[in-house]
Amino acid sequence: MVGPGFDLGAIDPRSTPGFTGNKTDGQAAGAAAANELSHLQEMLFADSRTGGKRKLLLILQGMDTSGKGGIVRHVVGAVDPQGVSHVAFKAPTPAELRHDFLWRIRRELPTAGLIGVFDRSHYEDVLIGRVKQLAPPEEIDQRYELINAFEQEVVDDDTTVIKVMLHISAEEQKKRLLERLDRPDKFWKFHPSDIDDRLLWPAYQAAYQTALERTSTAAAPWHVVPADRKWFARLAVRELLLKALKDLELTWPPADFDVPAERARLALS
């Protein structure tokens, strides 16, 4: 979790903090936890059917190839699809650009009972926006506080916000990009701009450091997950989701009908 004095450069992207096992152990632990995650997600969904307003929002950020899609498929994909709202934010459209940068984000917030997933998010506006100078520096600077205020509003609306930066090394990214160029079934994932962004690596790391420092709050803290080992990143994000759901202390909603009477009616049918 990001706190005072946090240094992104001091985090080893190949480390596995909090876990001493190997890849096989991690995959086994993840498979075991997937059932619990699915169970708790169903309880959250059921809670909303009887008036509950609680929901989760998982925000995934990271450099290209950091594993955001794998988290969606292998972690969030373990739960019932009807309980998930997934949005992969791309470059804003001309229509979206006519509004403030949070407008399109507000429209995609999860409703009661759902686990919302943002694959990239409003943070692009202080990452790409800062690195590529898409807005004046003073406007970029104002966005950090606007983001904090927005996320506090979201939390106040019974939403648990889990922000994850998937921290990949430049060496591992190069390896994954080469794999996309080596395999025809991966061509669709590659875009020449991936290399253009890679050439700006130091600037992106600096932009992430600033964003993490200025927007990790008590209401919506950042978690930096070492992502060179895909199996560990998936295990870590699954544990963050599990903890958030457990902290809600969910229970199954009680029946709003007479159970014995309905049993008797069913027996006679």
Protein backbone atom coordinates (compact mmCIF):
# COMPACT_ATOMS: atom_id res chain seq x y z
CA MET A 1 0.00 0.00 0.00
CA VAL A 2 1.29 3.44 -0.94
CA GLY A 3 1.96 5.73 2.00
CA PRO A 4 4.24 8.62 2.99
CA GLY A 5 7.74 8.28 1.58
CA PHE A 6 6.74 5.63 -0.98
CA ASP A 7 9.34 5.12 -3.72
CA LEU A 8 8.16 3.25 -6.81
CA GLY A 9 11.76 2.76 -7.94
CA ALA A 10 12.52 0.79 -4.79
CA ILE A 11 9.92 -1.89 -5.60
CA ASP A 12 11.35 -4.97 -7.35
CA PRO A 13 8.89 -5.93 -10.12
CA ARG A 14 9.97 -9.60 -9.79
CA SER A 15 9.39 -9.77 -6.04
CA THR A 16 6.54 -11.66 -4.39
CA PRO A 17 5.88 -9.77 -1.13
CA GLY A 18 3.81 -11.69 1.38
CA PHE A 19 4.19 -15.01 -0.46
CA THR A 20 7.08 -17.44 -0.04
CA GLY A 21 5.97 -20.17 -2.44
CA ASN A 22 6.82 -20.73 -6.10
CA LYS A 23 4.68 -20.46 -9.23
CA THR A 24 3.03 -23.85 -8.67
CA ASP A 25 2.19 -22.92 -5.10
CA GLY A 26 0.82 -19.57 -6.19
CA GLN A 27 -1.39 -21.07 -8.87
CA ALA A 28 -2.74 -23.61 -6.40
CA ALA A 29 -3.47 -20.91 -3.84
CA GLY A 30 -5.19 -18.83 -6.50
CA ALA A 31 -7.40 -21.71 -7.61
CA ALA A 32 -8.44 -22.38 -4.03
CA ALA A 33 -9.26 -18.72 -3.42
CA ALA A 34 -11.28 -18.43 -6.65
CA ASN A 35 -14.18 -20.40 -5.17
CA GLU A 36 -14.31 -18.15 -2.13
CA LEU A 37 -14.21 -15.07 -4.33
CA SER A 38 -17.12 -16.40 -6.40
CA HIS A 39 -19.10 -17.17 -3.24
CA LEU A 40 -18.61 -13.69 -1.79
CA GLN A 41 -19.41 -12.01 -5.08
CA GLU A 42 -22.74 -13.88 -5.18
CA MET A 43 -23.51 -12.67 -1.66
CA LEU A 44 -22.80 -9.09 -2.74
CA PHE A 45 -25.09 -9.48 -5.72
CA ALA A 46 -27.84 -11.07 -3.60
CA ASP A 47 -27.55 -8.23 -1.08
CA SER A 48 -28.42 -5.72 -3.79
CA ARG A 49 -31.56 -7.64 -4.74
CA THR A 50 -33.02 -6.77 -1.35
CA GLY A 51 -32.06 -3.11 -1.23
CA GLY A 52 -28.33 -3.27 -0.47
CA LYS A 53 -26.31 -0.45 -2.03
CA ARG A 54 -22.77 -1.76 -1.65
CA LYS A 55 -20.45 -2.33 -4.60
CA LEU A 56 -16.74 -2.65 -5.43
CA LEU A 57 -14.62 -0.81 -7.96
CA LEU A 58 -11.31 -2.32 -9.03
CA ILE A 59 -9.09 0.17 -10.88
CA LEU A 60 -6.22 -1.39 -12.85
CA GLN A 61 -3.36 0.75 -14.11
CA GLY A 62 -0.01 -0.19 -15.55
CA MET A 63 2.27 0.08 -18.54
CA ASP A 64 1.44 -1.85 -21.72
CA THR A 65 1.70 -5.65 -21.20
CA SER A 66 1.58 -5.27 -17.39
CA GLY A 67 -1.16 -7.89 -17.21
CA LYS A 68 -4.42 -5.97 -16.83
CA GLY A 69 -6.22 -8.22 -19.28
CA GLY A 70 -4.95 -11.33 -17.51
CA ILE A 71 -6.31 -10.05 -14.20
CA VAL A 72 -9.70 -9.54 -15.80
CA ARG A 73 -9.74 -13.02 -17.37
CA HIS A 74 -8.17 -15.11 -14.62
CA VAL A 75 -9.23 -13.29 -11.44
CA VAL A 76 -12.45 -11.42 -12.12
CA GLY A 77 -13.38 -14.07 -14.66
CA ALA A 78 -13.85 -16.58 -11.84
CA VAL A 79 -17.08 -14.91 -10.71
CA ASP A 80 -20.55 -14.81 -12.25
CA PRO A 81 -20.44 -12.43 -15.27
CA GLN A 82 -23.81 -10.92 -14.35
CA GLY A 83 -22.19 -9.56 -11.20
CA VAL A 84 -19.40 -7.73 -13.06
CA SER A 85 -19.27 -4.41 -14.88
CA HIS A 86 -16.09 -4.15 -16.97
CA VAL A 87 -14.92 -1.08 -18.87
CA ALA A 88 -11.68 -0.77 -20.86
CA PHE A 89 -11.13 2.95 -21.31
CA LYS A 90 -9.54 4.04 -24.56
CA ALA A 91 -8.59 7.48 -25.84
CA PRO A 92 -11.56 9.82 -25.29
CA THR A 93 -13.89 10.37 -28.23
CA PRO A 94 -14.62 13.87 -29.59
CA ALA A 95 -17.97 13.75 -27.77
CA GLU A 96 -16.26 12.86 -24.48
CA LEU A 97 -13.70 15.61 -24.93
CA ARG A 98 -16.51 18.17 -24.85
CA HIS A 99 -16.95 17.32 -21.15
CA ASP A 100 -14.62 17.38 -18.15
CA PHE A 101 -12.25 14.42 -17.84
CA LEU A 102 -14.31 12.69 -15.14
CA TRP A 103 -17.59 12.80 -17.09
CA ARG A 104 -17.13 9.53 -18.92
CA ILE A 105 -15.83 7.87 -15.75
CA ARG A 106 -18.93 8.76 -13.73
CA ARG A 107 -21.14 7.19 -16.40
CA GLU A 108 -19.42 3.81 -15.97
CA LEU A 109 -19.40 3.49 -12.18
CA PRO A 110 -20.76 0.14 -10.95
CA THR A 111 -24.28 -0.03 -9.58
CA ALA A 112 -25.33 -1.79 -6.39
CA GLY A 113 -24.23 -5.41 -6.07
CA LEU A 114 -21.61 -5.29 -8.82
CA ILE A 115 -17.86 -5.57 -8.97
CA GLY A 116 -16.83 -2.84 -11.36
CA VAL A 117 -13.51 -3.14 -13.19
CA PHE A 118 -11.79 -0.20 -14.87
CA ASP A 119 -9.05 -1.35 -17.26
CA ARG A 120 -7.26 2.01 -17.29
CA SER A 121 -9.27 4.91 -15.93
CA HIS A 122 -9.31 8.61 -15.09
CA TYR A 123 -5.65 8.20 -14.16
CA GLU A 124 -4.75 8.25 -17.83
CA ASP A 125 -5.47 11.98 -17.62
CA VAL A 126 -2.57 12.49 -15.20
CA LEU A 127 -0.29 9.86 -16.75
CA ILE A 128 -0.50 10.12 -20.54
CA GLY A 129 -1.76 13.66 -20.10
CA ARG A 130 1.37 14.58 -18.14
CA VAL A 131 3.92 12.65 -20.20
CA LYS A 132 2.62 13.80 -23.59
CA GLN A 133 1.64 17.27 -22.38
CA LEU A 134 -1.97 16.92 -23.53
CA ALA A 135 -3.03 19.70 -21.17
CA PRO A 136 -1.29 22.67 -19.54
CA PRO A 137 0.79 21.73 -16.46
CA GLU A 138 -1.43 23.74 -14.14
CA GLU A 139 -4.50 21.85 -15.36
CA ILE A 140 -2.78 18.50 -14.85
CA ASP A 141 -1.82 19.64 -11.35
CA GLN A 142 -5.45 20.47 -10.49
CA ARG A 143 -6.63 17.04 -11.59
CA TYR A 144 -5.04 15.21 -8.65
CA GLU A 145 -7.27 16.97 -6.13
CA LEU A 146 -10.28 16.59 -8.42
CA ILE A 147 -9.59 12.86 -8.52
CA ASN A 148 -9.33 12.66 -4.72
CA ALA A 149 -12.61 14.52 -4.28
CA PHE A 150 -14.30 12.32 -6.90
CA GLU A 151 -13.12 9.10 -5.30
CA GLN A 152 -14.27 10.29 -1.87
CA GLU A 153 -17.73 10.82 -3.39
CA VAL A 154 -17.63 7.30 -4.80
CA VAL A 155 -16.63 5.82 -1.44
CA ASP A 156 -19.35 7.84 0.31
CA ASP A 157 -21.82 6.18 -2.07
CA ASP A 158 -21.14 2.74 -0.50
CA THR A 159 -18.40 1.79 -2.97
CA THR A 160 -15.18 0.09 -1.92
CA VAL A 161 -12.42 1.34 -4.22
CA ILE A 162 -9.40 -0.90 -4.85
CA LYS A 163 -6.67 0.80 -6.88
CA VAL A 164 -3.91 -1.39 -8.28
CA MET A 165 -0.82 -0.36 -10.18
CA LEU A 166 0.69 -3.40 -11.90
CA HIS A 167 4.42 -2.69 -11.67
CA ILE A 168 6.34 -4.28 -14.53
CA SER A 169 10.03 -3.88 -15.40
CA ALA A 170 11.25 -2.53 -18.72
CA GLU A 171 13.03 -5.85 -19.36
CA GLU A 172 9.88 -7.90 -18.82
CA GLN A 173 7.84 -5.56 -20.98
CA LYS A 174 10.33 -5.97 -23.83
CA LYS A 175 10.04 -9.75 -23.50
CA ARG A 176 6.23 -9.61 -23.66
CA LEU A 177 6.21 -7.22 -26.61
CA LEU A 178 8.61 -9.52 -28.49
CA GLU A 179 6.26 -12.42 -27.83
CA ARG A 180 3.45 -10.43 -29.42
CA LEU A 181 5.61 -9.91 -32.50
CA ASP A 182 6.68 -13.56 -32.62
CA ARG A 183 3.18 -15.07 -32.46
CA PRO A 184 0.50 -14.47 -35.10
CA ASP A 185 -2.19 -15.06 -32.48
CA LYS A 186 -0.77 -12.09 -30.53
CA PHE A 187 -0.44 -9.62 -33.42
CA TRP A 188 -3.82 -8.11 -32.60
CA LYS A 189 -2.53 -7.08 -29.18
CA PHE A 190 0.42 -5.13 -30.60
CA HIS A 191 0.41 -1.54 -31.84
CA PRO A 192 3.46 0.41 -33.03
CA SER A 193 2.63 3.08 -30.46
CA ASP A 194 3.53 0.52 -27.76
CA ILE A 195 7.19 1.06 -28.67
CA ASP A 196 6.72 4.83 -28.83
CA ASP A 197 5.40 4.78 -25.26
CA ARG A 198 8.20 2.46 -24.19
CA LEU A 199 10.74 5.05 -25.29
CA LEU A 200 9.16 7.38 -22.73
CA TRP A 201 9.62 4.88 -19.88
CA PRO A 202 11.42 7.24 -17.42
CA ALA A 203 8.76 9.92 -17.91
CA TYR A 204 5.96 7.41 -17.29
CA GLN A 205 7.64 6.13 -14.12
CA ALA A 206 7.92 9.70 -12.86
CA ALA A 207 4.26 10.34 -13.72
CA TYR A 208 3.23 7.20 -11.83
CA GLN A 209 5.31 8.22 -8.81
CA THR A 210 3.56 11.59 -8.66
CA ALA A 211 0.09 10.09 -9.18
CA LEU A 212 0.65 7.47 -6.48
CA GLU A 213 1.94 10.06 -4.01
CA ARG A 214 -0.86 12.55 -4.58
CA THR A 215 -3.87 10.26 -4.89
CA SER A 216 -3.27 7.48 -2.35
CA THR A 217 -5.78 8.46 0.32
CA ALA A 218 -7.30 6.82 3.38
CA ALA A 219 -10.56 6.40 1.47
CA ALA A 220 -8.96 5.04 -1.71
CA PRO A 221 -5.35 3.92 -1.21
CA TRP A 222 -3.11 2.66 -3.99
CA HIS A 223 -1.60 -0.82 -3.97
CA VAL A 224 1.49 -1.43 -6.10
CA VAL A 225 1.67 -5.08 -7.20
CA PRO A 226 4.94 -6.44 -8.65
CA ALA A 227 3.85 -7.79 -12.03
CA ASP A 228 6.85 -9.44 -13.70
CA ARG A 229 5.48 -12.77 -12.45
CA LYS A 230 1.94 -12.99 -13.81
CA TRP A 231 0.91 -15.70 -11.36
CA PHE A 232 1.86 -13.53 -8.40
CA ALA A 233 0.09 -10.42 -9.71
CA ARG A 234 -3.09 -12.44 -10.15
CA LEU A 235 -2.79 -13.96 -6.70
CA ALA A 236 -2.20 -10.55 -5.11
CA VAL A 237 -5.16 -8.86 -6.80
CA ARG A 238 -7.40 -11.79 -5.89
CA GLU A 239 -6.38 -11.39 -2.25
CA LEU A 240 -7.16 -7.66 -2.37
CA LEU A 241 -10.64 -8.42 -3.73
CA LEU A 242 -11.20 -11.11 -1.12
CA LYS A 243 -10.20 -8.83 1.72
CA ALA A 244 -12.48 -6.06 0.48
CA LEU A 245 -15.45 -8.44 0.23
CA LYS A 246 -14.77 -9.98 3.63
CA ASP A 247 -14.58 -6.52 5.20
CA LEU A 248 -18.16 -5.91 4.04
CA GLU A 249 -19.29 -8.71 6.42
CA LEU A 250 -21.92 -9.85 3.93
CA THR A 251 -24.79 -12.14 4.90
CA TRP A 252 -27.41 -13.85 2.80
CA PRO A 253 -30.62 -11.78 2.69
CA PRO A 254 -33.45 -13.35 4.74
CA ALA A 255 -36.54 -14.70 3.05
CA ASP A 256 -39.35 -12.18 2.63
CA PHE A 257 -41.92 -14.98 2.55
CA ASP A 258 -43.13 -17.75 4.87
CA VAL A 259 -40.71 -20.63 4.18
CA PRO A 260 -42.78 -23.44 5.85
CA ALA A 261 -45.91 -22.24 4.06
CA GLU A 262 -44.16 -22.28 0.70
CA ARG A 263 -42.80 -25.75 1.43
CA ALA A 264 -46.33 -26.94 2.11
CA ARG A 265 -47.66 -25.36 -1.09
CA LEU A 266 -44.83 -26.94 -3.08
CA ALA A 267 -45.59 -30.38 -1.62
CA LEU A 268 -49.17 -30.10 -2.81
CA SER A 269 -48.29 -28.92 -6.30
